[in-house]
Amino acid sequence: MYAVITTGGKQYRVAVGEEIFVEKLEGEQGDKVVFDQVLAVADEDGIKLGEDVKGVKVEGEIVKQGKGKKIIIFKYKAKKGYRRKNGHRQPYTRVKINGIAV
C-alpha cells in the first residue's frame, strides 16, 4: 500500500515504514505530523483518486531536522572584475511514515 502526498510544493510517493526528506516542517524530533493533502492511494483493491481519497491522512514522525549539502552560487562577468561567491544550505525535515489512514 502506498500514497502520493503533497508537501512543500512537491509530491512524494510514500509507504509505511519509509523515511523521506521534505522541505522544512515546524516541530521537533519525535513530534507527530499529519499530511492531509493526499492525491492518490493504492492498495490491493486498486488505485483511488480524486473524491475517493477525501478524508485520507498520512501520519508520520519527525526523525531529524537538518540542512542539506552546501551549494555554491558564483556570479561572474568577463573582463569586468565582477565576482561574487555565495553559498546556500537548504533546510529539510526527515520524516518516517507510520501509517496511512484510509
C-alpha atoms as a PDB file:
ATOM      1  CA  MET A   1       0.000   0.000   0.000  1.00  0.00           C
ATOM      2  CA  TYR A   2       1.308   3.442  -0.867  1.00  0.00           C
ATOM      3  CA  ALA A   3       0.061   7.014  -1.138  1.00  0.00           C
ATOM      4  CA  VAL A   4       1.023  10.138  -3.067  1.00  0.00           C
ATOM      5  CA  ILE A   5       1.133  13.237  -0.854  1.00  0.00           C
ATOM      6  CA  THR A   6       1.874  16.913  -1.404  1.00  0.00           C
ATOM      7  CA  THR A   7       4.026  18.954   0.969  1.00  0.00           C
ATOM      8  CA  GLY A   8       6.333  21.903   0.433  1.00  0.00           C
ATOM      9  CA  GLY A   9       5.176  22.294  -3.172  1.00  0.00           C
ATOM     10  CA  LYS A  10       6.396  18.809  -4.120  1.00  0.00           C
ATOM     11  CA  GLN A  11       4.776  15.402  -4.485  1.00  0.00           C
ATOM     12  CA  TYR A  12       6.074  12.282  -2.763  1.00  0.00           C
ATOM     13  CA  ARG A  13       5.210   8.596  -3.119  1.00  0.00           C
ATOM     14  CA  VAL A  14       5.236   7.151   0.403  1.00  0.00           C
ATOM     15  CA  ALA A  15       4.656   3.782   2.013  1.00  0.00           C
ATOM     16  CA  VAL A  16       4.517   2.745   5.662  1.00  0.00           C
ATOM     17  CA  GLY A  17       7.985   2.460   7.193  1.00  0.00           C
ATOM     18  CA  GLU A  18       9.752   4.710   4.656  1.00  0.00           C
ATOM     19  CA  GLU A  19      11.766   7.793   5.574  1.00  0.00           C
ATOM     20  CA  ILE A  20      11.511  10.810   3.273  1.00  0.00           C
ATOM     21  CA  PHE A  21      13.264  14.179   3.109  1.00  0.00           C
ATOM     22  CA  VAL A  22      10.779  17.064   2.775  1.00  0.00           C
ATOM     23  CA  GLU A  23      11.003  20.849   2.914  1.00  0.00           C
ATOM     24  CA  LYS A  24      11.361  22.102   6.485  1.00  0.00           C
ATOM     25  CA  LEU A  25       8.340  21.498   8.708  1.00  0.00           C
ATOM     26  CA  GLU A  26       7.676  23.065  12.106  1.00  0.00           C
ATOM     27  CA  GLY A  27       8.297  20.763  15.039  1.00  0.00           C
ATOM     28  CA  GLU A  28      10.981  18.952  16.958  1.00  0.00           C
ATOM     29  CA  GLN A  29      12.418  15.448  16.747  1.00  0.00           C
ATOM     30  CA  GLY A  30       9.786  12.911  17.810  1.00  0.00           C
ATOM     31  CA  ASP A  31       6.798  15.146  17.006  1.00  0.00           C
ATOM     32  CA  LYS A  32       3.910  13.670  15.008  1.00  0.00           C
ATOM     33  CA  VAL A  33       2.945  15.182  11.657  1.00  0.00           C
ATOM     34  CA  VAL A  34      -0.150  14.578   9.553  1.00  0.00           C
ATOM     35  CA  PHE A  35      -0.250  15.046   5.783  1.00  0.00           C
ATOM     36  CA  ASP A  36      -3.847  15.639   4.723  1.00  0.00           C
ATOM     37  CA  GLN A  37      -3.172  16.594   1.096  1.00  0.00           C
ATOM     38  CA  VAL A  38      -3.336  13.091  -0.365  1.00  0.00           C
ATOM     39  CA  LEU A  39      -3.565  12.825  -4.156  1.00  0.00           C
ATOM     40  CA  ALA A  40      -3.765   9.051  -4.592  1.00  0.00           C
ATOM     41  CA  VAL A  41      -3.866   5.833  -2.583  1.00  0.00           C
ATOM     42  CA  ALA A  42      -3.025   2.409  -3.970  1.00  0.00           C
ATOM     43  CA  ASP A  43      -3.832  -0.854  -2.191  1.00  0.00           C
ATOM     44  CA  GLU A  44      -4.833  -4.384  -3.131  1.00  0.00           C
ATOM     45  CA  ASP A  45      -8.187  -3.087  -4.464  1.00  0.00           C
ATOM     46  CA  GLY A  46      -6.509  -0.705  -6.942  1.00  0.00           C
ATOM     47  CA  ILE A  47      -5.760   2.996  -7.152  1.00  0.00           C
ATOM     48  CA  LYS A  48      -8.109   5.597  -5.686  1.00  0.00           C
ATOM     49  CA  LEU A  49      -8.020   9.188  -6.942  1.00  0.00           C
ATOM     50  CA  GLY A  50      -9.959  12.426  -6.569  1.00  0.00           C
ATOM     51  CA  GLU A  51     -13.117  12.202  -4.428  1.00  0.00           C
ATOM     52  CA  ASP A  52     -12.243   8.653  -3.357  1.00  0.00           C
ATOM     53  CA  VAL A  53      -9.279   9.886  -1.285  1.00  0.00           C
ATOM     54  CA  LYS A  54     -11.192  12.629   0.525  1.00  0.00           C
ATOM     55  CA  GLY A  55     -10.527  12.270   4.248  1.00  0.00           C
ATOM     56  CA  VAL A  56      -7.447  10.055   3.832  1.00  0.00           C
ATOM     57  CA  LYS A  57      -4.494  11.118   6.001  1.00  0.00           C
ATOM     58  CA  VAL A  58      -0.861  10.021   6.120  1.00  0.00           C
ATOM     59  CA  GLU A  59       0.699  10.044   9.571  1.00  0.00           C
ATOM     60  CA  GLY A  60       4.400  10.394  10.259  1.00  0.00           C
ATOM     61  CA  GLU A  61       7.000  11.271  12.843  1.00  0.00           C
ATOM     62  CA  ILE A  62       9.852  13.768  12.605  1.00  0.00           C
ATOM     63  CA  VAL A  63      13.152  11.896  12.747  1.00  0.00           C
ATOM     64  CA  LYS A  64      15.547  14.792  12.194  1.00  0.00           C
ATOM     65  CA  GLN A  65      15.750  18.476  11.332  1.00  0.00           C
ATOM     66  CA  GLY A  66      18.802  19.350   9.277  1.00  0.00           C
ATOM     67  CA  LYS A  67      20.420  21.187   6.394  1.00  0.00           C
ATOM     68  CA  GLY A  68      21.377  19.776   3.004  1.00  0.00           C
ATOM     69  CA  LYS A  69      24.802  19.931   1.413  1.00  0.00           C
ATOM     70  CA  LYS A  70      26.156  23.368   0.601  1.00  0.00           C
ATOM     71  CA  ILE A  71      25.760  24.547  -2.957  1.00  0.00           C
ATOM     72  CA  ILE A  72      27.940  27.349  -4.296  1.00  0.00           C
ATOM     73  CA  ILE A  73      26.423  30.280  -6.166  1.00  0.00           C
ATOM     74  CA  PHE A  74      29.123  32.048  -8.199  1.00  0.00           C
ATOM     75  CA  LYS A  75      28.347  35.140 -10.265  1.00  0.00           C
ATOM     76  CA  TYR A  76      30.922  36.277 -12.803  1.00  0.00           C
ATOM     77  CA  LYS A  77      31.165  38.874 -15.556  1.00  0.00           C
ATOM     78  CA  ALA A  78      34.030  38.522 -18.002  1.00  0.00           C
ATOM     79  CA  LYS A  79      36.617  41.315 -18.230  1.00  0.00           C
ATOM     80  CA  LYS A  80      34.843  43.489 -15.638  1.00  0.00           C
ATOM     81  CA  GLY A  81      36.376  42.256 -12.380  1.00  0.00           C
ATOM     82  CA  TYR A  82      32.950  41.299 -11.061  1.00  0.00           C
ATOM     83  CA  ARG A  83      32.920  38.123  -8.976  1.00  0.00           C
ATOM     84  CA  ARG A  84      30.505  37.149  -6.201  1.00  0.00           C
ATOM     85  CA  LYS A  85      30.670  33.882  -4.301  1.00  0.00           C
ATOM     86  CA  ASN A  86      27.787  32.809  -2.101  1.00  0.00           C
ATOM     87  CA  GLY A  87      26.696  29.527  -0.522  1.00  0.00           C
ATOM     88  CA  HIS A  88      23.338  28.048   0.445  1.00  0.00           C
ATOM     89  CA  ARG A  89      22.238  25.105   2.590  1.00  0.00           C
ATOM     90  CA  GLN A  90      18.554  24.221   2.208  1.00  0.00           C
ATOM     91  CA  PRO A  91      16.855  23.208   5.475  1.00  0.00           C
ATOM     92  CA  TYR A  92      14.976  19.900   5.431  1.00  0.00           C
ATOM     93  CA  THR A  93      12.974  17.610   7.689  1.00  0.00           C
ATOM     94  CA  ARG A  94      13.375  13.839   7.670  1.00  0.00           C
ATOM     95  CA  VAL A  95      10.012  12.147   8.293  1.00  0.00           C
ATOM     96  CA  LYS A  96       9.271   8.466   8.986  1.00  0.00           C
ATOM     97  CA  ILE A  97       5.870   7.381   7.661  1.00  0.00           C
ATOM     98  CA  ASN A  98       3.937   5.495  10.367  1.00  0.00           C
ATOM     99  CA  GLY A  99       0.556   4.925   8.762  1.00  0.00           C
ATOM    100  CA  ILE A 100      -1.946   5.640   6.019  1.00  0.00           C
ATOM    101  CA  ALA A 101      -5.414   6.159   7.479  1.00  0.00           C
ATOM    102  CA  VAL A 102      -7.970   5.267   4.803  1.00  0.00           C
END
